[in-house]
Protein backbone atom coordinates (compact mmCIF):
# COMPACT_ATOMS: atom_id res chain seq x y z
CA MET A 1 -6.55 13.26 1.98
CA SER A 2 -7.29 10.91 4.84
CA GLY A 3 -4.77 10.32 7.61
CA CYS A 4 -3.91 6.80 6.50
CA VAL A 5 -3.36 7.89 2.89
CA ALA A 6 -1.14 10.77 3.96
CA ALA A 7 0.84 8.46 6.24
CA VAL A 8 1.60 5.76 3.66
CA THR A 9 2.16 8.07 0.67
CA PRO A 10 5.87 8.80 1.13
CA PHE A 11 6.68 5.16 1.85
CA LEU A 12 4.77 3.68 -1.09
CA ASN A 13 5.92 6.38 -3.49
CA ASN A 14 9.50 5.49 -2.59
CA ILE A 15 9.21 1.96 -4.06
CA ASP A 16 10.38 1.98 -7.68
CA GLN A 17 8.30 -1.05 -8.70
CA VAL A 18 5.02 0.57 -7.61
CA ASN A 19 3.21 2.06 -10.61
CA GLY A 20 0.26 3.31 -8.63
CA TRP A 21 -1.87 2.66 -5.60
CA ASN A 22 -5.07 3.72 -3.90
CA VAL A 23 -6.86 3.19 -0.62
CA ASP A 24 -10.58 2.52 -0.44
CA THR A 25 -11.25 4.94 2.39
CA ASP A 26 -14.97 4.16 2.28
CA SER A 27 -14.25 0.62 3.43
CA PRO A 28 -13.88 0.10 7.20
CA GLU A 29 -10.81 -2.03 6.43
CA LYS A 30 -9.20 0.78 4.36
CA ILE A 31 -8.26 -1.61 1.54
CA LEU A 32 -5.01 -0.74 -0.23
CA MET A 33 -4.68 -1.71 -3.89
CA VAL A 34 -1.19 -1.53 -5.38
CA GLN A 35 -0.20 -1.75 -9.04
CA VAL A 36 3.34 -3.06 -9.43
CA THR A 37 5.82 -3.94 -12.15
CA ASP A 38 7.20 -6.86 -10.14
CA HIS A 39 4.81 -9.10 -8.22
CA ARG A 40 7.61 -10.26 -5.94
CA ILE A 41 7.64 -6.99 -3.97
CA GLY A 42 4.72 -7.78 -1.68
CA THR A 43 6.99 -7.79 1.35
CA LEU A 44 8.33 -4.34 0.42
CA VAL A 45 4.79 -2.98 0.27
CA ILE A 46 3.89 -4.57 3.60
CA LYS A 47 7.06 -3.14 5.15
CA ALA A 48 6.31 0.33 3.74
CA VAL A 49 2.82 0.27 5.22
CA GLY A 50 4.31 -0.85 8.53
CA GLN A 51 6.74 2.07 8.47
CA ALA A 52 3.69 4.31 8.37
CA ALA A 53 2.41 2.57 11.53
CA TYR A 54 -0.28 0.58 9.72
CA GLN A 55 -0.69 -3.13 9.08
CA ALA A 56 -1.06 -4.82 5.69
CA ASP A 57 -1.62 -8.34 4.45
CA TYR A 58 -0.95 -9.61 0.95
CA LYS A 59 -4.01 -10.88 -0.89
CA PRO A 60 -3.54 -11.50 -4.62
CA ARG A 61 -6.33 -10.57 -6.97
CA PRO A 62 -8.59 -13.47 -7.91
């Protein structure tokens, strides 16, 4: 498990509306994809990533 994945795991797993997530660790940007039950929780996900000392931006799927 990469350092960024290990860091965000407890924070993302603590959000009830998150059904699953993964990080593309092959990408230089370390793209995080999150599957949710409520699309209004983007700010919770961004906050959770921030708690792990990383930065996230919300970009909806096309």
